[in-house]
C-alpha atoms as a PDB file:
ATOM      1  CA  MET A   1     121.054 123.835 149.024  1.00  0.00           C
ATOM      2  CA  SER A   2     118.010 121.712 149.788  1.00  0.00           C
ATOM      3  CA  LEU A   3     118.269 117.959 150.271  1.00  0.00           C
ATOM      4  CA  ALA A   4     115.990 117.309 147.268  1.00  0.00           C
ATOM      5  CA  LEU A   5     118.112 119.523 145.003  1.00  0.00           C
ATOM      6  CA  ARG A   6     121.345 117.954 146.274  1.00  0.00           C
ATOM      7  CA  SER A   7     120.080 114.414 145.562  1.00  0.00           C
ATOM      8  CA  SER A   8     118.870 115.537 142.121  1.00  0.00           C
ATOM      9  CA  LEU A   9     122.336 116.886 141.329  1.00  0.00           C
ATOM     10  CA  LEU A  10     124.003 113.651 142.453  1.00  0.00           C
ATOM     11  CA  LEU A  11     121.651 111.619 140.266  1.00  0.00           C
ATOM     12  CA  LEU A  12     122.354 113.956 137.348  1.00  0.00           C
ATOM     13  CA  LEU A  13     126.121 113.559 137.752  1.00  0.00           C
ATOM     14  CA  ALA A  14     125.760 109.791 137.887  1.00  0.00           C
ATOM     15  CA  SER A  15     123.607 109.811 134.742  1.00  0.00           C
ATOM     16  CA  PHE A  16     126.179 111.866 132.878  1.00  0.00           C
ATOM     17  CA  SER A  17     128.741 109.102 133.291  1.00  0.00           C
ATOM     18  CA  TRP A  18     126.242 106.451 132.169  1.00  0.00           C
ATOM     19  CA  ALA A  19     125.505 108.376 128.984  1.00  0.00           C
ATOM     20  CA  GLN A  20     129.178 108.331 128.076  1.00  0.00           C
ATOM     21  CA  GLN A  21     129.307 104.535 127.698  1.00  0.00           C
ATOM     22  CA  GLY A  22     129.097 104.421 123.893  1.00  0.00           C
ATOM     23  CA  THR A  23     125.381 105.045 123.598  1.00  0.00           C
ATOM     24  CA  SER A  24     123.574 107.287 121.131  1.00  0.00           C
ATOM     25  CA  PHE A  25     121.614 109.058 123.876  1.00  0.00           C
ATOM     26  CA  LYS A  26     121.650 112.808 123.409  1.00  0.00           C
ATOM     27  CA  HIS A  27     120.120 113.208 126.873  1.00  0.00           C
ATOM     28  CA  PHE A  28     119.955 110.695 129.709  1.00  0.00           C
ATOM     29  CA  ALA A  29     119.337 111.385 133.389  1.00  0.00           C
ATOM     30  CA  ALA A  30     118.196 109.687 136.551  1.00  0.00           C
ATOM     31  CA  ILE A  31     115.631 111.940 138.219  1.00  0.00           C
ATOM     32  CA  ASP A  32     114.778 109.569 141.061  1.00  0.00           C
ATOM     33  CA  LYS A  33     116.135 106.244 142.284  1.00  0.00           C
ATOM     34  CA  GLN A  34     114.321 104.212 139.620  1.00  0.00           C
ATOM     35  CA  VAL A  35     113.093 106.882 137.206  1.00  0.00           C
ATOM     36  CA  TYR A  36     115.153 107.784 134.146  1.00  0.00           C
ATOM     37  CA  VAL A  37     114.442 110.239 131.339  1.00  0.00           C
ATOM     38  CA  GLY A  38     116.092 111.082 128.059  1.00  0.00           C
ATOM     39  CA  SER A  39     116.086 110.786 124.326  1.00  0.00           C
ATOM     40  CA  LYS A  40     114.744 107.916 122.258  1.00  0.00           C
ATOM     41  CA  PRO A  41     116.840 104.750 122.469  1.00  0.00           C
ATOM     42  CA  HIS A  42     118.094 103.623 119.059  1.00  0.00           C
ATOM     43  CA  THR A  43     121.018 101.240 119.314  1.00  0.00           C
ATOM     44  CA  ASP A  44     121.681  97.980 121.090  1.00  0.00           C
ATOM     45  CA  LYS A  45     124.089  99.896 123.376  1.00  0.00           C
ATOM     46  CA  ASP A  46     121.191 102.180 124.369  1.00  0.00           C
ATOM     47  CA  PHE A  47     119.015  99.228 125.316  1.00  0.00           C
ATOM     48  CA  GLU A  48     121.937  97.533 127.068  1.00  0.00           C
ATOM     49  CA  LEU A  49     122.434 100.666 129.187  1.00  0.00           C
ATOM     50  CA  LEU A  50     118.734 100.657 130.102  1.00  0.00           C
ATOM     51  CA  GLN A  51     118.961  96.950 130.865  1.00  0.00           C
ATOM     52  CA  SER A  52     122.017  97.565 133.083  1.00  0.00           C
ATOM     53  CA  GLN A  53     119.841  99.950 135.130  1.00  0.00           C
ATOM     54  CA  HIS A  54     117.239  97.160 135.394  1.00  0.00           C
ATOM     55  CA  VAL A  55     114.673  99.236 133.455  1.00  0.00           C
ATOM     56  CA  ARG A  56     111.481  97.203 133.108  1.00  0.00           C
ATOM     57  CA  TYR A  57     109.297  99.785 131.337  1.00  0.00           C
ATOM     58  CA  ILE A  58     109.946 102.283 128.577  1.00  0.00           C
ATOM     59  CA  LEU A  59     107.332 105.018 128.255  1.00  0.00           C
ATOM     60  CA  ASN A  60     107.198 106.878 124.954  1.00  0.00           C
ATOM     61  CA  ALA A  61     105.824 110.429 125.432  1.00  0.00           C
ATOM     62  CA  ARG A  62     105.772 111.385 121.773  1.00  0.00           C
ATOM     63  CA  PHE A  63     102.964 113.013 119.841  1.00  0.00           C
ATOM     64  CA  LEU A  64     102.749 110.268 117.198  1.00  0.00           C
ATOM     65  CA  PRO A  65     103.567 107.095 119.125  1.00  0.00           C
ATOM     66  CA  PHE A  66     102.302 104.796 116.365  1.00  0.00           C
ATOM     67  CA  PHE A  67     105.687 105.162 114.625  1.00  0.00           C
ATOM     68  CA  SER A  68     107.317 103.160 117.423  1.00  0.00           C
ATOM     69  CA  GLY A  69     107.083  99.583 116.159  1.00  0.00           C
ATOM     70  CA  SER A  70     110.822  98.927 115.900  1.00  0.00           C
ATOM     71  CA  GLU A  71     111.484 100.457 119.332  1.00  0.00           C
ATOM     72  CA  LYS A  72     108.726  98.345 120.857  1.00  0.00           C
ATOM     73  CA  ARG A  73     110.192  95.169 119.325  1.00  0.00           C
ATOM     74  CA  LYS A  74     113.688  96.061 120.533  1.00  0.00           C
ATOM     75  CA  ALA A  75     112.409  96.804 124.046  1.00  0.00           C
ATOM     76  CA  GLN A  76     110.682  93.421 124.147  1.00  0.00           C
ATOM     77  CA  HIS A  77     113.883  91.762 122.893  1.00  0.00           C
ATOM     78  CA  TYR A  78     115.687  93.258 125.905  1.00  0.00           C
ATOM     79  CA  GLY A  79     112.940  92.184 128.320  1.00  0.00           C
ATOM     80  CA  MET A  80     111.225  95.555 128.728  1.00  0.00           C
ATOM     81  CA  GLN A  81     107.572  96.504 128.407  1.00  0.00           C
ATOM     82  CA  PHE A  82     106.813  99.367 126.031  1.00  0.00           C
ATOM     83  CA  LEU A  83     104.156 101.947 126.939  1.00  0.00           C
ATOM     84  CA  ASP A  84     102.778 104.812 124.822  1.00  0.00           C
ATOM     85  CA  VAL A  85     101.118 107.966 126.087  1.00  0.00           C
ATOM     86  CA  PRO A  86     100.796 110.690 123.445  1.00  0.00           C
ATOM     87  CA  MET A  87     102.028 114.131 124.428  1.00  0.00           C
ATOM     88  CA  ASN A  88     102.278 117.073 122.082  1.00  0.00           C
ATOM     89  CA  ALA A  89     105.019 119.677 122.050  1.00  0.00           C
ATOM     90  CA  SER A  90     103.608 122.672 120.210  1.00  0.00           C
ATOM     91  CA  PRO A  91     102.145 126.132 120.815  1.00  0.00           C
ATOM     92  CA  ILE A  92      99.148 124.273 122.308  1.00  0.00           C
ATOM     93  CA  PRO A  93      99.637 122.847 125.821  1.00  0.00           C
ATOM     94  CA  PRO A  94      99.590 119.062 126.184  1.00  0.00           C
ATOM     95  CA  MET A  95      96.427 117.459 127.509  1.00  0.00           C
ATOM     96  CA  ARG A  96      96.297 117.356 131.300  1.00  0.00           C
ATOM     97  CA  ARG A  97      95.082 113.749 131.354  1.00  0.00           C
ATOM     98  CA  HIS A  98      98.094 112.647 129.269  1.00  0.00           C
ATOM     99  CA  VAL A  99     100.604 114.472 131.471  1.00  0.00           C
ATOM    100  CA  ASP A 100      98.935 113.168 134.637  1.00  0.00           C
ATOM    101  CA  LYS A 101      98.952 109.618 133.286  1.00  0.00           C
ATOM    102  CA  ILE A 102     102.668 109.817 132.527  1.00  0.00           C
ATOM    103  CA  LEU A 103     103.536 111.373 135.912  1.00  0.00           C
ATOM    104  CA  LEU A 104     101.495 108.838 137.844  1.00  0.00           C
ATOM    105  CA  THR A 105     103.058 105.985 135.852  1.00  0.00           C
ATOM    106  CA  MET A 106     106.537 107.394 136.576  1.00  0.00           C
ATOM    107  CA  HIS A 107     105.744 107.521 140.292  1.00  0.00           C
ATOM    108  CA  ASP A 108     104.033 104.119 140.517  1.00  0.00           C
ATOM    109  CA  ALA A 109     106.430 101.542 142.014  1.00  0.00           C
ATOM    110  CA  GLN A 110     104.914  98.745 139.906  1.00  0.00           C
ATOM    111  CA  PHE A 111     106.314 100.447 136.775  1.00  0.00           C
ATOM    112  CA  GLN A 112     109.787 101.066 138.160  1.00  0.00           C
ATOM    113  CA  PRO A 113     112.535 101.093 137.097  1.00  0.00           C
ATOM    114  CA  ILE A 114     111.172 103.123 134.176  1.00  0.00           C
ATOM    115  CA  TYR A 115     112.654 105.138 131.321  1.00  0.00           C
ATOM    116  CA  ILE A 116     110.600 107.998 129.863  1.00  0.00           C
ATOM    117  CA  HIS A 117     111.521 109.592 126.558  1.00  0.00           C
ATOM    118  CA  CYS A 118     110.321 111.758 123.733  1.00  0.00           C
ATOM    119  CA  VAL A 119     112.391 112.183 120.575  1.00  0.00           C
ATOM    120  CA  LEU A 120     115.307 114.316 121.757  1.00  0.00           C
ATOM    121  CA  GLY A 121     114.777 114.006 125.521  1.00  0.00           C
ATOM    122  CA  ARG A 122     114.880 117.734 125.890  1.00  0.00           C
ATOM    123  CA  ASP A 123     111.520 119.500 125.996  1.00  0.00           C
ATOM    124  CA  ARG A 124     108.720 117.070 126.896  1.00  0.00           C
ATOM    125  CA  THR A 125     110.972 115.009 129.144  1.00  0.00           C
ATOM    126  CA  SER A 126     112.284 118.156 130.848  1.00  0.00           C
ATOM    127  CA  LEU A 127     108.705 119.266 131.534  1.00  0.00           C
ATOM    128  CA  LEU A 128     107.836 115.835 132.926  1.00  0.00           C
ATOM    129  CA  SER A 129     111.030 115.761 135.009  1.00  0.00           C
ATOM    130  CA  GLY A 130     110.379 119.218 136.414  1.00  0.00           C
ATOM    131  CA  LEU A 131     106.800 118.431 137.377  1.00  0.00           C
ATOM    132  CA  TYR A 132     107.818 115.058 138.848  1.00  0.00           C
ATOM    133  CA  LYS A 133     110.445 116.734 141.031  1.00  0.00           C
ATOM    134  CA  ILE A 134     107.957 119.348 142.234  1.00  0.00           C
ATOM    135  CA  TYR A 135     105.089 116.921 142.899  1.00  0.00           C
ATOM    136  CA  PHE A 136     106.976 113.944 144.316  1.00  0.00           C
ATOM    137  CA  LEU A 137     110.444 115.091 145.437  1.00  0.00           C
ATOM    138  CA  GLY A 138     109.635 118.462 146.988  1.00  0.00           C
ATOM    139  CA  VAL A 139     111.822 120.542 144.655  1.00  0.00           C
ATOM    140  CA  SER A 140     110.736 124.178 144.388  1.00  0.00           C
ATOM    141  CA  GLN A 141     109.151 125.461 141.189  1.00  0.00           C
ATOM    142  CA  SER A 142     112.079 127.817 140.533  1.00  0.00           C
ATOM    143  CA  ASP A 143     114.707 125.086 141.117  1.00  0.00           C
ATOM    144  CA  ALA A 144     112.794 122.648 138.913  1.00  0.00           C
ATOM    145  CA  PHE A 145     112.551 125.209 136.109  1.00  0.00           C
ATOM    146  CA  ALA A 146     116.274 125.983 136.390  1.00  0.00           C
ATOM    147  CA  GLU A 147     117.037 122.251 136.073  1.00  0.00           C
ATOM    148  CA  MET A 148     114.685 122.035 133.069  1.00  0.00           C
ATOM    149  CA  LYS A 149     116.608 124.857 131.364  1.00  0.00           C
ATOM    150  CA  LYS A 150     119.949 123.138 132.112  1.00  0.00           C
ATOM    151  CA  SER A 151     118.556 119.982 130.484  1.00  0.00           C
ATOM    152  CA  GLY A 152     117.854 121.913 127.281  1.00  0.00           C
ATOM    153  CA  PHE A 153     114.202 122.936 127.803  1.00  0.00           C
ATOM    154  CA  ARG A 154     113.344 125.650 125.303  1.00  0.00           C
ATOM    155  CA  THR A 155     110.786 128.422 125.656  1.00  0.00           C
ATOM    156  CA  VAL A 156     110.503 129.179 121.923  1.00  0.00           C
ATOM    157  CA  TRP A 157     107.148 130.078 120.372  1.00  0.00           C
ATOM    158  CA  PHE A 158     106.560 126.715 118.681  1.00  0.00           C
ATOM    159  CA  LEU A 159     106.864 124.966 122.070  1.00  0.00           C
ATOM    160  CA  HIS A 160     104.990 127.627 124.041  1.00  0.00           C
ATOM    161  CA  GLY A 161     102.405 125.039 125.134  1.00  0.00           C
ATOM    162  CA  LEU A 162     104.964 123.187 127.269  1.00  0.00           C
ATOM    163  CA  ASN A 163     106.054 126.349 129.074  1.00  0.00           C
ATOM    164  CA  ALA A 164     102.419 127.451 129.525  1.00  0.00           C
ATOM    165  CA  TYR A 165     101.562 124.020 130.945  1.00  0.00           C
ATOM    166  CA  PHE A 166     104.410 124.265 133.459  1.00  0.00           C
ATOM    167  CA  GLU A 167     103.425 127.757 134.581  1.00  0.00           C
ATOM    168  CA  LYS A 168      99.766 126.784 134.994  1.00  0.00           C
ATOM    169  CA  ASN A 169     100.266 123.371 136.606  1.00  0.00           C
ATOM    170  CA  ALA A 170     103.479 123.488 138.653  1.00  0.00           C
ATOM    171  CA  ALA A 171     101.537 124.310 141.819  1.00  0.00           C
ATOM    172  CA  ARG A 172      99.052 121.443 141.556  1.00  0.00           C
ATOM    173  CA  LYS A 173      99.330 117.676 141.835  1.00  0.00           C
ATOM    174  CA  PRO A 174      98.210 115.157 139.220  1.00  0.00           C
ATOM    175  CA  GLU A 175      94.471 114.518 139.445  1.00  0.00           C
ATOM    176  CA  SER A 176      94.398 111.079 141.023  1.00  0.00           C
ATOM    177  CA  VAL A 177      97.088 112.004 143.570  1.00  0.00           C
ATOM    178  CA  ALA A 178      95.141 115.118 144.620  1.00  0.00           C
ATOM    179  CA  LYS A 179      92.021 112.999 145.322  1.00  0.00           C
ATOM    180  CA  ARG A 180      93.789 110.613 147.748  1.00  0.00           C
END
């Protein structure tokens, strides 16, 4: 087992115990030392868990982020900055510039600790987690995809765009990283 995969598994096991602390998170995982992904936070317990991990930024990767007013207010109440980057989950692949922006924000130390979510924390966040692990942690494409599937990533027709994006882009780096 590779070192990157082993550390990913340890982070996943640690996140499992965090998610059991009375929160409403359906999915919650640490994918790097200061990068967390999962479902949308709803309750005070959810925000308290994020606060206990010293999360400073919450990034919403939903298609219609303008419905996030109450989450933004709650994040601010708990001392966190709220960021929106739209990302669709449909038969059409998400826009490359949106995915790159999210990945580069996740990897940028000035935004860490960070929590990235969509609605359920299953499909978009699994795609982002898989690509992050490939690009920045050295995980193989096949190991990343296996982890995505374990996290609930679905390859159904109405989400075909996410799977197509992964297949097309797993071997490349985000645009501004590739130019460095």
